[in-house]
N, C-alpha and C. Protein backbone atom coordinates (compact mmCIF):
# COMPACT_ATOMS: atom_id res chain seq x y z
N TYR A 1 -2.67 4.97 23.08
CA TYR A 1 -2.40 3.86 22.18
C TYR A 1 -1.36 2.96 22.80
N LYS A 2 -1.69 1.71 22.93
CA LYS A 2 -0.78 0.73 23.51
C LYS A 2 -0.51 -0.41 22.54
N GLY A 3 -0.59 -0.14 21.25
CA GLY A 3 -0.37 -1.18 20.26
C GLY A 3 -1.59 -2.04 20.03
N ASN A 4 -2.74 -1.59 20.49
CA ASN A 4 -3.99 -2.34 20.37
C ASN A 4 -4.76 -1.84 19.15
N PRO A 5 -4.87 -2.65 18.09
CA PRO A 5 -5.59 -2.19 16.90
C PRO A 5 -7.07 -1.94 17.14
N GLN A 6 -7.62 -2.48 18.21
CA GLN A 6 -9.03 -2.23 18.54
C GLN A 6 -9.22 -0.87 19.20
N ASN A 7 -8.13 -0.28 19.67
CA ASN A 7 -8.18 1.04 20.30
C ASN A 7 -7.00 1.87 19.81
N PRO A 8 -7.06 2.33 18.56
CA PRO A 8 -5.90 2.97 17.94
C PRO A 8 -5.79 4.48 18.18
N TYR A 9 -6.37 4.97 19.25
CA TYR A 9 -6.44 6.41 19.46
C TYR A 9 -5.23 6.94 20.21
N CYS A 10 -4.81 8.13 19.81
CA CYS A 10 -3.74 8.87 20.48
C CYS A 10 -4.30 10.25 20.81
N HIS A 11 -3.77 10.84 21.86
CA HIS A 11 -4.21 12.18 22.24
C HIS A 11 -3.06 13.15 22.04
N GLY A 12 -3.24 14.06 21.11
CA GLY A 12 -2.24 15.09 20.87
C GLY A 12 -0.99 14.56 20.20
N ILE A 13 -0.07 15.48 19.93
CA ILE A 13 1.17 15.10 19.26
C ILE A 13 2.02 14.20 20.14
N ASP A 14 1.94 14.39 21.46
CA ASP A 14 2.69 13.51 22.36
C ASP A 14 2.21 12.07 22.24
N GLY A 15 0.91 11.88 22.09
CA GLY A 15 0.37 10.54 21.91
C GLY A 15 0.79 9.92 20.59
N VAL A 16 0.84 10.75 19.54
CA VAL A 16 1.29 10.26 18.23
C VAL A 16 2.75 9.83 18.31
N MET A 17 3.57 10.66 18.95
CA MET A 17 5.00 10.33 19.07
C MET A 17 5.20 9.08 19.93
N GLU A 18 4.43 8.94 21.00
CA GLU A 18 4.52 7.74 21.83
C GLU A 18 4.16 6.50 21.02
N ALA A 19 3.10 6.58 20.23
CA ALA A 19 2.70 5.44 19.40
C ALA A 19 3.79 5.10 18.39
N TYR A 20 4.39 6.13 17.81
CA TYR A 20 5.48 5.91 16.85
C TYR A 20 6.65 5.19 17.51
N TYR A 21 7.09 5.67 18.66
CA TYR A 21 8.24 5.05 19.33
C TYR A 21 7.92 3.63 19.78
N ARG A 22 6.70 3.40 20.23
CA ARG A 22 6.31 2.03 20.62
C ARG A 22 6.32 1.10 19.41
N SER A 23 5.86 1.62 18.28
CA SER A 23 5.78 0.77 17.08
C SER A 23 7.16 0.38 16.58
N LEU A 24 8.16 1.22 16.80
CA LEU A 24 9.51 0.89 16.35
C LEU A 24 10.02 -0.41 16.96
N LYS A 25 9.51 -0.74 18.15
CA LYS A 25 9.95 -1.95 18.85
C LYS A 25 9.25 -3.20 18.35
N SER A 26 8.12 -3.06 17.68
CA SER A 26 7.33 -4.25 17.36
C SER A 26 6.98 -4.43 15.89
N VAL A 27 7.10 -3.40 15.08
CA VAL A 27 6.68 -3.49 13.69
C VAL A 27 7.80 -4.09 12.84
N GLN A 28 7.43 -5.04 12.00
CA GLN A 28 8.36 -5.60 11.03
C GLN A 28 7.83 -5.29 9.64
N LEU A 29 8.67 -4.73 8.81
CA LEU A 29 8.25 -4.38 7.45
C LEU A 29 8.42 -5.57 6.53
N TYR A 30 7.40 -5.84 5.74
CA TYR A 30 7.47 -6.88 4.72
C TYR A 30 6.37 -6.61 3.71
N GLY A 31 6.41 -7.29 2.59
CA GLY A 31 5.47 -7.03 1.51
C GLY A 31 4.49 -8.15 1.31
N PRO A 32 3.52 -7.93 0.47
CA PRO A 32 3.31 -6.70 -0.28
C PRO A 32 2.80 -5.58 0.62
N THR A 33 3.05 -4.36 0.21
CA THR A 33 2.65 -3.19 0.99
C THR A 33 1.48 -2.53 0.29
N ASN A 34 0.29 -2.70 0.84
CA ASN A 34 -0.94 -2.14 0.29
C ASN A 34 -1.50 -1.11 1.27
N PHE A 35 -1.39 0.16 0.90
CA PHE A 35 -1.85 1.23 1.79
C PHE A 35 -3.31 1.60 1.57
N ALA A 36 -3.84 1.40 0.38
CA ALA A 36 -5.20 1.84 0.07
C ALA A 36 -6.24 1.31 1.06
N PRO A 37 -6.22 0.02 1.45
CA PRO A 37 -7.23 -0.45 2.39
C PRO A 37 -7.19 0.28 3.74
N VAL A 38 -6.00 0.60 4.22
CA VAL A 38 -5.87 1.31 5.50
C VAL A 38 -6.37 2.74 5.37
N ILE A 39 -5.98 3.41 4.30
CA ILE A 39 -6.42 4.79 4.07
C ILE A 39 -7.94 4.84 3.93
N ASN A 40 -8.51 3.91 3.19
CA ASN A 40 -9.97 3.87 3.01
C ASN A 40 -10.69 3.60 4.32
N HIS A 41 -10.12 2.73 5.16
CA HIS A 41 -10.73 2.43 6.46
C HIS A 41 -10.77 3.69 7.32
N VAL A 42 -9.65 4.41 7.40
CA VAL A 42 -9.60 5.63 8.20
C VAL A 42 -10.56 6.68 7.64
N ALA A 43 -10.63 6.79 6.33
CA ALA A 43 -11.54 7.76 5.71
C ALA A 43 -13.00 7.45 6.04
N ARG A 44 -13.37 6.17 5.96
CA ARG A 44 -14.75 5.78 6.30
C ARG A 44 -15.05 6.08 7.76
N TYR A 45 -14.11 5.75 8.63
CA TYR A 45 -14.34 5.98 10.06
C TYR A 45 -14.45 7.48 10.34
N ALA A 46 -13.56 8.27 9.77
CA ALA A 46 -13.60 9.72 9.98
C ALA A 46 -14.91 10.31 9.46
N ALA A 47 -15.38 9.81 8.34
CA ALA A 47 -16.64 10.30 7.77
C ALA A 47 -17.83 9.99 8.66
N SER A 48 -17.70 8.95 9.48
CA SER A 48 -18.81 8.58 10.37
C SER A 48 -18.91 9.51 11.59
N VAL A 49 -17.87 10.28 11.85
CA VAL A 49 -17.89 11.24 12.96
C VAL A 49 -18.37 12.57 12.39
N LYS A 50 -19.64 12.82 12.54
CA LYS A 50 -20.29 13.95 11.87
C LYS A 50 -20.14 15.28 12.60
N ASP A 51 -19.84 15.25 13.90
CA ASP A 51 -19.87 16.49 14.68
C ASP A 51 -18.54 17.24 14.70
N GLY A 52 -17.51 16.73 14.02
CA GLY A 52 -16.23 17.42 13.97
C GLY A 52 -15.45 17.41 15.26
N SER A 53 -15.80 16.52 16.18
CA SER A 53 -15.15 16.50 17.49
C SER A 53 -13.82 15.77 17.49
N GLN A 54 -13.49 15.09 16.40
CA GLN A 54 -12.25 14.32 16.36
C GLN A 54 -11.47 14.66 15.10
N TYR A 55 -10.15 14.58 15.22
CA TYR A 55 -9.24 14.78 14.10
C TYR A 55 -8.39 13.53 14.00
N PHE A 56 -8.21 13.02 12.81
CA PHE A 56 -7.53 11.74 12.62
C PHE A 56 -6.19 11.94 11.92
N VAL A 57 -5.15 11.36 12.50
CA VAL A 57 -3.82 11.36 11.90
C VAL A 57 -3.47 9.92 11.59
N LEU A 58 -3.25 9.64 10.33
CA LEU A 58 -2.82 8.31 9.91
C LEU A 58 -1.33 8.39 9.65
N LEU A 59 -0.54 7.78 10.52
CA LEU A 59 0.91 7.77 10.39
C LEU A 59 1.31 6.47 9.74
N ILE A 60 1.85 6.56 8.53
CA ILE A 60 2.27 5.38 7.77
C ILE A 60 3.78 5.34 7.75
N ILE A 61 4.33 4.30 8.34
CA ILE A 61 5.78 4.09 8.37
C ILE A 61 6.10 3.09 7.28
N THR A 62 6.97 3.47 6.35
CA THR A 62 7.18 2.63 5.18
C THR A 62 8.64 2.59 4.77
N ASP A 63 8.99 1.52 4.09
CA ASP A 63 10.33 1.40 3.51
C ASP A 63 10.35 1.95 2.09
N GLY A 64 9.25 2.52 1.66
CA GLY A 64 9.19 3.18 0.36
C GLY A 64 8.61 2.35 -0.76
N VAL A 65 8.40 1.08 -0.56
CA VAL A 65 7.87 0.21 -1.60
C VAL A 65 6.36 0.11 -1.40
N ILE A 66 5.58 0.60 -2.38
CA ILE A 66 4.12 0.56 -2.31
C ILE A 66 3.64 -0.36 -3.42
N SER A 67 2.97 -1.43 -3.05
CA SER A 67 2.52 -2.43 -4.04
C SER A 67 1.28 -1.98 -4.80
N ASP A 68 0.45 -1.17 -4.17
CA ASP A 68 -0.81 -0.74 -4.81
C ASP A 68 -0.79 0.77 -5.06
N MET A 69 0.22 1.23 -5.77
CA MET A 69 0.45 2.67 -5.96
C MET A 69 -0.77 3.39 -6.55
N ALA A 70 -1.37 2.86 -7.60
CA ALA A 70 -2.52 3.53 -8.23
C ALA A 70 -3.69 3.65 -7.25
N GLN A 71 -3.98 2.58 -6.53
CA GLN A 71 -5.08 2.60 -5.56
C GLN A 71 -4.76 3.53 -4.39
N THR A 72 -3.49 3.55 -3.96
CA THR A 72 -3.09 4.43 -2.87
C THR A 72 -3.25 5.89 -3.27
N LYS A 73 -2.83 6.24 -4.47
CA LYS A 73 -3.00 7.62 -4.95
C LYS A 73 -4.47 8.00 -4.98
N GLU A 74 -5.31 7.11 -5.49
CA GLU A 74 -6.75 7.38 -5.54
C GLU A 74 -7.32 7.56 -4.14
N SER A 75 -6.90 6.73 -3.21
CA SER A 75 -7.38 6.83 -1.82
C SER A 75 -6.96 8.14 -1.18
N ILE A 76 -5.72 8.57 -1.44
CA ILE A 76 -5.23 9.84 -0.89
C ILE A 76 -6.05 11.00 -1.46
N VAL A 77 -6.32 10.98 -2.74
CA VAL A 77 -7.13 12.04 -3.35
C VAL A 77 -8.52 12.04 -2.73
N ASN A 78 -9.13 10.88 -2.58
CA ASN A 78 -10.47 10.80 -2.01
C ASN A 78 -10.51 11.29 -0.57
N VAL A 79 -9.52 10.92 0.23
CA VAL A 79 -9.51 11.32 1.64
C VAL A 79 -9.18 12.81 1.78
N SER A 80 -8.59 13.41 0.76
CA SER A 80 -8.26 14.83 0.84
C SER A 80 -9.51 15.70 0.93
N PHE A 81 -10.66 15.16 0.57
CA PHE A 81 -11.92 15.89 0.69
C PHE A 81 -12.50 15.80 2.10
N THR A 82 -11.87 15.01 2.96
CA THR A 82 -12.29 14.87 4.35
C THR A 82 -11.43 15.79 5.19
N GLU A 83 -12.02 16.80 5.76
CA GLU A 83 -11.26 17.81 6.49
C GLU A 83 -10.62 17.31 7.77
N SER A 84 -11.09 16.20 8.30
CA SER A 84 -10.62 15.76 9.61
C SER A 84 -9.56 14.66 9.54
N VAL A 85 -8.93 14.46 8.37
CA VAL A 85 -7.93 13.40 8.23
C VAL A 85 -6.62 13.97 7.71
N GLU A 86 -5.55 13.61 8.38
CA GLU A 86 -4.19 13.95 7.96
C GLU A 86 -3.44 12.65 7.74
N ILE A 87 -2.73 12.53 6.63
CA ILE A 87 -1.91 11.35 6.37
C ILE A 87 -0.46 11.78 6.38
N MET A 88 0.34 11.09 7.17
CA MET A 88 1.77 11.37 7.25
C MET A 88 2.52 10.10 6.87
N PHE A 89 3.43 10.22 5.92
CA PHE A 89 4.28 9.10 5.53
C PHE A 89 5.67 9.34 6.10
N VAL A 90 6.21 8.32 6.75
CA VAL A 90 7.57 8.38 7.27
C VAL A 90 8.36 7.28 6.60
N GLY A 91 9.36 7.65 5.84
CA GLY A 91 10.21 6.66 5.18
C GLY A 91 11.35 6.24 6.09
N ILE A 92 11.55 4.93 6.16
CA ILE A 92 12.66 4.43 6.98
C ILE A 92 13.52 3.48 6.16
């Protein structure tokens, strides 16, 4: 992962940590903060991988303010039925 949204893949925990540290240099937090569309996108993509060859970690870095709380909760519940998706929230 090099900050390219067209290629958002990381390999292993080292890749996730590298992506996190890189994002600290470029991400600016502002609102509104709507997580449901991102969670739904990852869930749809993960569901399209039928052979179980990939595991998806969605790392959400947030200041704690969620504008679409009801939709985000619903999305988290829905994605919980997908075995290949992990969602991690990091509050800053």
